[in-house]
PDB file of N, CA and C in Angstrom:
ATOM      1  N   MET A   1     244.037  53.852 149.982  1.00  0.00           N
ATOM      2  CA  MET A   1     244.008  52.557 149.326  1.00  0.00           C
ATOM      3  C   MET A   1     243.080  51.600 150.081  1.00  0.00           C
ATOM      4  N   LYS A   2     243.104  51.689 151.407  1.00  0.00           N
ATOM      5  CA  LYS A   2     242.238  50.810 152.203  1.00  0.00           C
ATOM      6  C   LYS A   2     240.763  51.065 151.903  1.00  0.00           C
ATOM      7  N   ARG A   3     240.423  52.345 151.673  1.00  0.00           N
ATOM      8  CA  ARG A   3     239.024  52.680 151.377  1.00  0.00           C
ATOM      9  C   ARG A   3     238.580  52.054 150.055  1.00  0.00           C
ATOM     10  N   ILE A   4     239.465  52.060 149.077  1.00  0.00           N
ATOM     11  CA  ILE A   4     239.131  51.476 147.771  1.00  0.00           C
ATOM     12  C   ILE A   4     238.906  49.974 147.908  1.00  0.00           C
ATOM     13  N   PHE A   5     239.816  49.286 148.625  1.00  0.00           N
ATOM     14  CA  PHE A   5     239.652  47.845 148.818  1.00  0.00           C
ATOM     15  C   PHE A   5     238.410  47.525 149.650  1.00  0.00           C
ATOM     16  N   ALA A   6     238.139  48.327 150.660  1.00  0.00           N
ATOM     17  CA  ALA A   6     236.945  48.107 151.489  1.00  0.00           C
ATOM     18  C   ALA A   6     235.672  48.304 150.664  1.00  0.00           C
ATOM     19  N   SER A   7     235.664  49.326 149.803  1.00  0.00           N
ATOM     20  CA  SER A   7     234.474  49.552 148.981  1.00  0.00           C
ATOM     21  C   SER A   7     234.309  48.444 147.942  1.00  0.00           C
ATOM     22  N   ALA A   8     235.428  47.920 147.425  1.00  0.00           N
ATOM     23  CA  ALA A   8     235.340  46.793 146.482  1.00  0.00           C
ATOM     24  C   ALA A   8     234.787  45.556 147.186  1.00  0.00           C
ATOM     25  N   ASP A   9     235.231  45.304 148.422  1.00  0.00           N
ATOM     26  CA  ASP A   9     234.690  44.185 149.201  1.00  0.00           C
ATOM     27  C   ASP A   9     233.196  44.353 149.444  1.00  0.00           C
ATOM     28  N   GLU A  10     232.783  45.580 149.760  1.00  0.00           N
ATOM     29  CA  GLU A  10     231.365  45.852 149.990  1.00  0.00           C
ATOM     30  C   GLU A  10     230.566  45.667 148.696  1.00  0.00           C
ATOM     31  N   PHE A  11     231.125  46.070 147.571  1.00  0.00           N
ATOM     32  CA  PHE A  11     230.467  45.880 146.277  1.00  0.00           C
ATOM     33  C   PHE A  11     230.222  44.398 146.024  1.00  0.00           C
ATOM     34  N   ILE A  12     231.241  43.574 146.253  1.00  0.00           N
ATOM     35  CA  ILE A  12     231.093  42.135 146.046  1.00  0.00           C
ATOM     36  C   ILE A  12     230.089  41.545 147.038  1.00  0.00           C
ATOM     37  N   ARG A  13     230.110  42.023 148.263  1.00  0.00           N
ATOM     38  CA  ARG A  13     229.172  41.512 149.268  1.00  0.00           C
ATOM     39  C   ARG A  13     227.718  41.796 148.872  1.00  0.00           C
ATOM     40  N   ARG A  14     227.485  42.946 148.264  1.00  0.00           N
ATOM     41  CA  ARG A  14     226.119  43.319 147.873  1.00  0.00           C
ATOM     42  C   ARG A  14     225.722  42.774 146.497  1.00  0.00           C
ATOM     43  N   SER A  15     226.662  42.193 145.787  1.00  0.00           N
ATOM     44  CA  SER A  15     226.386  41.713 144.428  1.00  0.00           C
ATOM     45  C   SER A  15     225.810  40.307 144.448  1.00  0.00           C
ATOM     46  N   ASP A  16     225.006  40.021 143.447  1.00  0.00           N
ATOM     47  CA  ASP A  16     224.507  38.663 143.273  1.00  0.00           C
ATOM     48  C   ASP A  16     225.130  38.087 141.997  1.00  0.00           C
ATOM     49  N   TRP A  17     224.676  36.928 141.594  1.00  0.00           N
ATOM     50  CA  TRP A  17     225.286  36.261 140.448  1.00  0.00           C
ATOM     51  C   TRP A  17     225.120  37.063 139.164  1.00  0.00           C
ATOM     52  N   LYS A  18     224.034  37.828 139.068  1.00  0.00           N
ATOM     53  CA  LYS A  18     223.810  38.618 137.857  1.00  0.00           C
ATOM     54  C   LYS A  18     224.841  39.734 137.729  1.00  0.00           C
ATOM     55  N   ASP A  19     225.163  40.384 138.829  1.00  0.00           N
ATOM     56  CA  ASP A  19     226.192  41.426 138.794  1.00  0.00           C
ATOM     57  C   ASP A  19     227.537  40.848 138.399  1.00  0.00           C
ATOM     58  N   LEU A  20     227.874  39.690 138.926  1.00  0.00           N
ATOM     59  CA  LEU A  20     229.149  39.062 138.597  1.00  0.00           C
ATOM     60  C   LEU A  20     229.183  38.603 137.141  1.00  0.00           C
ATOM     61  N   ALA A  21     228.040  38.161 136.621  1.00  0.00           N
ATOM     62  CA  ALA A  21     227.974  37.791 135.202  1.00  0.00           C
ATOM     63  C   ALA A  21     228.177  39.025 134.326  1.00  0.00           C
ATOM     64  N   ILE A  22     227.608  40.160 134.727  1.00  0.00           N
ATOM     65  CA  ILE A  22     227.792  41.401 133.974  1.00  0.00           C
ATOM     66  C   ILE A  22     229.264  41.806 133.974  1.00  0.00           C
ATOM     67  N   ILE A  23     229.937  41.640 135.113  1.00  0.00           N
ATOM     68  CA  ILE A  23     231.368  41.941 135.186  1.00  0.00           C
ATOM     69  C   ILE A  23     232.140  41.088 134.185  1.00  0.00           C
ATOM     70  N   LYS A  24     231.779  39.825 134.081  1.00  0.00           N
ATOM     71  CA  LYS A  24     232.479  38.943 133.139  1.00  0.00           C
ATOM     72  C   LYS A  24     232.255  39.378 131.694  1.00  0.00           C
ATOM     73  N   PHE A  25     231.030  39.734 131.347  1.00  0.00           N
ATOM     74  CA  PHE A  25     230.769  40.231 129.994  1.00  0.00           C
ATOM     75  C   PHE A  25     231.538  41.526 129.738  1.00  0.00           C
ATOM     76  N   CYS A  26     231.572  42.391 130.734  1.00  0.00           N
ATOM     77  CA  CYS A  26     232.286  43.650 130.614  1.00  0.00           C
ATOM     78  C   CYS A  26     233.770  43.408 130.356  1.00  0.00           C
ATOM     79  N   LEU A  27     234.381  42.539 131.144  1.00  0.00           N
ATOM     80  CA  LEU A  27     235.797  42.241 130.980  1.00  0.00           C
ATOM     81  C   LEU A  27     236.081  41.526 129.662  1.00  0.00           C
ATOM     82  N   PHE A  28     235.174  40.651 129.265  1.00  0.00           N
ATOM     83  CA  PHE A  28     235.336  39.953 127.994  1.00  0.00           C
ATOM     84  C   PHE A  28     235.337  40.938 126.825  1.00  0.00           C
ATOM     85  N   SER A  29     234.396  41.860 126.848  1.00  0.00           N
ATOM     86  CA  SER A  29     234.298  42.800 125.732  1.00  0.00           C
ATOM     87  C   SER A  29     235.498  43.746 125.691  1.00  0.00           C
ATOM     88  N   ILE A  30     236.001  44.187 126.845  1.00  0.00           N
ATOM     89  CA  ILE A  30     237.186  45.044 126.823  1.00  0.00           C
ATOM     90  C   ILE A  30     238.399  44.237 126.370  1.00  0.00           C
ATOM     91  N   GLY A  31     238.436  42.948 126.699  1.00  0.00           N
ATOM     92  CA  GLY A  31     239.510  42.083 126.215  1.00  0.00           C
ATOM     93  C   GLY A  31     239.498  41.962 124.696  1.00  0.00           C
ATOM     94  N   LEU A  32     238.306  41.890 124.129  1.00  0.00           N
ATOM     95  CA  LEU A  32     238.200  41.870 122.668  1.00  0.00           C
ATOM     96  C   LEU A  32     238.755  43.146 122.065  1.00  0.00           C
ATOM     97  N   LEU A  33     238.422  44.264 122.684  1.00  0.00           N
ATOM     98  CA  LEU A  33     238.900  45.540 122.161  1.00  0.00           C
ATOM     99  C   LEU A  33     240.419  45.639 122.229  1.00  0.00           C
ATOM    100  N   VAL A  34     241.014  45.091 123.262  1.00  0.00           N
ATOM    101  CA  VAL A  34     242.452  45.235 123.470  1.00  0.00           C
ATOM    102  C   VAL A  34     243.256  44.216 122.676  1.00  0.00           C
ATOM    103  N   GLY A  35     242.849  42.940 122.704  1.00  0.00           N
ATOM    104  CA  GLY A  35     243.768  41.947 122.207  1.00  0.00           C
ATOM    105  C   GLY A  35     243.346  41.041 121.070  1.00  0.00           C
ATOM    106  N   LEU A  36     242.179  41.177 120.563  1.00  0.00           N
ATOM    107  CA  LEU A  36     241.736  40.252 119.535  1.00  0.00           C
ATOM    108  C   LEU A  36     242.376  40.565 118.187  1.00  0.00           C
ATOM    109  N   GLN A  37     242.967  39.579 117.598  1.00  0.00           N
ATOM    110  CA  GLN A  37     243.581  39.752 116.279  1.00  0.00           C
ATOM    111  C   GLN A  37     242.642  39.155 115.231  1.00  0.00           C
ATOM    112  N   ILE A  38     242.042  40.023 114.438  1.00  0.00           N
ATOM    113  CA  ILE A  38     241.123  39.584 113.393  1.00  0.00           C
ATOM    114  C   ILE A  38     241.492  40.280 112.086  1.00  0.00           C
ATOM    115  N   THR A  39     240.869  39.829 111.033  1.00  0.00           N
ATOM    116  CA  THR A  39     241.153  40.436 109.734  1.00  0.00           C
ATOM    117  C   THR A  39     240.649  41.878 109.699  1.00  0.00           C
ATOM    118  N   GLU A  40     241.260  42.672 108.881  1.00  0.00           N
ATOM    119  CA  GLU A  40     240.872  44.081 108.744  1.00  0.00           C
ATOM    120  C   GLU A  40     239.403  44.215 108.351  1.00  0.00           C
ATOM    121  N   LYS A  41     238.927  43.273 107.553  1.00  0.00           N
ATOM    122  CA  LYS A  41     237.555  43.312 107.065  1.00  0.00           C
ATOM    123  C   LYS A  41     236.537  43.223 108.209  1.00  0.00           C
ATOM    124  N   CYS A  42     236.859  42.466 109.257  1.00  0.00           N
ATOM    125  CA  CYS A  42     235.927  42.222 110.360  1.00  0.00           C
ATOM    126  C   CYS A  42     236.145  43.120 111.573  1.00  0.00           C
ATOM    127  N   LYS A  43     237.262  43.827 111.636  1.00  0.00           N
ATOM    128  CA  LYS A  43     237.607  44.580 112.839  1.00  0.00           C
ATOM    129  C   LYS A  43     236.560  45.610 113.236  1.00  0.00           C
ATOM    130  N   LYS A  44     236.020  46.337 112.287  1.00  0.00           N
ATOM    131  CA  LYS A  44     235.082  47.400 112.614  1.00  0.00           C
ATOM    132  C   LYS A  44     233.832  46.848 113.303  1.00  0.00           C
ATOM    133  N   GLY A  45     233.266  45.775 112.788  1.00  0.00           N
ATOM    134  CA  GLY A  45     232.070  45.182 113.383  1.00  0.00           C
ATOM    135  C   GLY A  45     232.316  44.643 114.783  1.00  0.00           C
ATOM    136  N   VAL A  46     233.457  43.995 114.979  1.00  0.00           N
ATOM    137  CA  VAL A  46     233.791  43.458 116.294  1.00  0.00           C
ATOM    138  C   VAL A  46     234.016  44.589 117.289  1.00  0.00           C
ATOM    139  N   ARG A  47     234.704  45.632 116.860  1.00  0.00           N
ATOM    140  CA  ARG A  47     234.923  46.781 117.744  1.00  0.00           C
ATOM    141  C   ARG A  47     233.611  47.434 118.157  1.00  0.00           C
ATOM    142  N   ILE A  48     232.709  47.580 117.237  1.00  0.00           N
ATOM    143  CA  ILE A  48     231.416  48.197 117.552  1.00  0.00           C
ATOM    144  C   ILE A  48     230.640  47.326 118.536  1.00  0.00           C
ATOM    145  N   ALA A  49     230.562  46.025 118.266  1.00  0.00           N
ATOM    146  CA  ALA A  49     229.828  45.118 119.156  1.00  0.00           C
ATOM    147  C   ALA A  49     230.445  45.087 120.556  1.00  0.00           C
ATOM    148  N   ALA A  50     231.765  44.985 120.621  1.00  0.00           N
ATOM    149  CA  ALA A  50     232.433  44.948 121.923  1.00  0.00           C
ATOM    150  C   ALA A  50     232.259  46.265 122.667  1.00  0.00           C
ATOM    151  N   SER A  51     232.292  47.369 121.956  1.00  0.00           N
ATOM    152  CA  SER A  51     232.100  48.672 122.593  1.00  0.00           C
ATOM    153  C   SER A  51     230.697  48.816 123.165  1.00  0.00           C
ATOM    154  N   VAL A  52     229.712  48.332 122.435  1.00  0.00           N
ATOM    155  CA  VAL A  52     228.326  48.395 122.915  1.00  0.00           C
ATOM    156  C   VAL A  52     228.156  47.536 124.169  1.00  0.00           C
ATOM    157  N   VAL A  53     228.671  46.304 124.131  1.00  0.00           N
ATOM    158  CA  VAL A  53     228.559  45.419 125.303  1.00  0.00           C
ATOM    159  C   VAL A  53     229.293  46.024 126.495  1.00  0.00           C
ATOM    160  N   PHE A  54     230.483  46.545 126.274  1.00  0.00           N
ATOM    161  CA  PHE A  54     231.242  47.159 127.360  1.00  0.00           C
ATOM    162  C   PHE A  54     230.478  48.326 127.968  1.00  0.00           C
ATOM    163  N   THR A  55     229.955  49.204 127.136  1.00  0.00           N
ATOM    164  CA  THR A  55     229.225  50.372 127.631  1.00  0.00           C
ATOM    165  C   THR A  55     227.975  49.973 128.397  1.00  0.00           C
ATOM    166  N   LEU A  56     227.231  49.016 127.860  1.00  0.00           N
ATOM    167  CA  LEU A  56     225.988  48.588 128.515  1.00  0.00           C
ATOM    168  C   LEU A  56     226.233  47.853 129.833  1.00  0.00           C
ATOM    169  N   THR A  57     227.410  47.300 130.019  1.00  0.00           N
ATOM    170  CA  THR A  57     227.707  46.612 131.274  1.00  0.00           C
ATOM    171  C   THR A  57     228.474  47.495 132.241  1.00  0.00           C
ATOM    172  N   TYR A  58     229.298  48.387 131.738  1.00  0.00           N
ATOM    173  CA  TYR A  58     230.139  49.228 132.592  1.00  0.00           C
ATOM    174  C   TYR A  58     229.316  50.264 133.359  1.00  0.00           C
ATOM    175  N   ILE A  59     228.368  50.882 132.693  1.00  0.00           N
ATOM    176  CA  ILE A  59     227.594  51.958 133.316  1.00  0.00           C
ATOM    177  C   ILE A  59     226.830  51.473 134.554  1.00  0.00           C
ATOM    178  N   PRO A  60     226.038  50.392 134.483  1.00  0.00           N
ATOM    179  CA  PRO A  60     225.324  49.975 135.701  1.00  0.00           C
ATOM    180  C   PRO A  60     226.267  49.523 136.819  1.00  0.00           C
ATOM    181  N   LEU A  61     227.381  48.909 136.458  1.00  0.00           N
ATOM    182  CA  LEU A  61     228.343  48.501 137.482  1.00  0.00           C
ATOM    183  C   LEU A  61     228.933  49.708 138.197  1.00  0.00           C
ATOM    184  N   MET A  62     229.295  50.724 137.452  1.00  0.00           N
ATOM    185  CA  MET A  62     229.900  51.902 138.069  1.00  0.00           C
ATOM    186  C   MET A  62     228.891  52.708 138.865  1.00  0.00           C
ATOM    187  N   VAL A  63     227.643  52.751 138.423  1.00  0.00           N
ATOM    188  CA  VAL A  63     226.609  53.434 139.195  1.00  0.00           C
ATOM    189  C   VAL A  63     226.467  52.768 140.559  1.00  0.00           C
ATOM    190  N   LYS A  64     226.405  51.444 140.571  1.00  0.00           N
ATOM    191  CA  LYS A  64     226.279  50.713 141.831  1.00  0.00           C
ATOM    192  C   LYS A  64     227.529  50.903 142.694  1.00  0.00           C
ATOM    193  N   TYR A  65     228.700  50.774 142.093  1.00  0.00           N
ATOM    194  CA  TYR A  65     229.950  50.897 142.844  1.00  0.00           C
ATOM    195  C   TYR A  65     230.126  52.304 143.405  1.00  0.00           C
ATOM    196  N   LEU A  66     229.863  53.331 142.606  1.00  0.00           N
ATOM    197  CA  LEU A  66     230.016  54.697 143.092  1.00  0.00           C
ATOM    198  C   LEU A  66     229.010  55.023 144.189  1.00  0.00           C
ATOM    199  N   GLY A  67     227.831  54.417 144.118  1.00  0.00           N
ATOM    200  CA  GLY A  67     226.865  54.577 145.203  1.00  0.00           C
ATOM    201  C   GLY A  67     227.389  53.995 146.505  1.00  0.00           C
ATOM    202  N   ILE A  68     228.035  52.858 146.423  1.00  0.00           N
ATOM    203  CA  ILE A  68     228.638  52.236 147.604  1.00  0.00           C
ATOM    204  C   ILE A  68     229.820  53.068 148.086  1.00  0.00           C
ATOM    205  N   LEU A  69     230.657  53.519 147.165  1.00  0.00           N
ATOM    206  CA  LEU A  69     231.857  54.280 147.506  1.00  0.00           C
ATOM    207  C   LEU A  69     231.504  55.588 148.204  1.00  0.00           C
ATOM    208  N   THR A  70     230.460  56.261 147.761  1.00  0.00           N
ATOM    209  CA  THR A  70     230.069  57.525 148.363  1.00  0.00           C
ATOM    210  C   THR A  70     229.163  57.349 149.576  1.00  0.00           C
ATOM    211  N   GLY A  71     228.761  56.131 149.861  1.00  0.00           N
ATOM    212  CA  GLY A  71     227.912  55.876 151.008  1.00  0.00           C
ATOM    213  C   GLY A  71     226.442  56.117 150.760  1.00  0.00           C
ATOM    214  N   LYS A  72     226.072  56.339 149.516  1.00  0.00           N
ATOM    215  CA  LYS A  72     224.677  56.598 149.177  1.00  0.00           C
ATOM    216  C   LYS A  72     223.949  55.354 148.711  1.00  0.00           C
ATOM    217  N   GLY A  73     224.667  54.224 148.607  1.00  0.00           N
ATOM    218  CA  GLY A  73     224.051  52.983 148.150  1.00  0.00           C
ATOM    219  C   GLY A  73     223.125  52.416 149.200  1.00  0.00           C
ATOM    220  N   GLU A  74     222.140  51.685 148.747  1.00  0.00           N
ATOM    221  CA  GLU A  74     221.190  51.080 149.687  1.00  0.00           C
ATOM    222  C   GLU A  74     221.882  49.986 150.487  1.00  0.00           C
ATOM    223  N   LYS A  75     221.525  49.870 151.727  1.00  0.00           N
ATOM    224  CA  LYS A  75     222.092  48.841 152.603  1.00  0.00           C
ATOM    225  C   LYS A  75     221.355  47.531 152.354  1.00  0.00           C
ATOM    226  N   ALA A  76     222.132  46.460 152.208  1.00  0.00           N
ATOM    227  CA  ALA A  76     221.535  45.143 151.964  1.00  0.00           C
ATOM    228  C   ALA A  76     221.190  44.477 153.270  1.00  0.00           C
TER     229      ALA A  76
END
């Protein structure tokens, strides 16, 4: 557990405002997928848009985080 928290701290230390903004978009889009109550007519479009935003933000974040976690990330 300590390794996970230490790697998360290192991720934040190496992140700039753009990375943190991407995290917010990522969390926002997953929140839409989980809890947004909309009409049946609009649900499909919102789900697709939120899924695209989540995927486009999640992948670069995890690539950076896994690089830090495995020790292969560049040193800042």
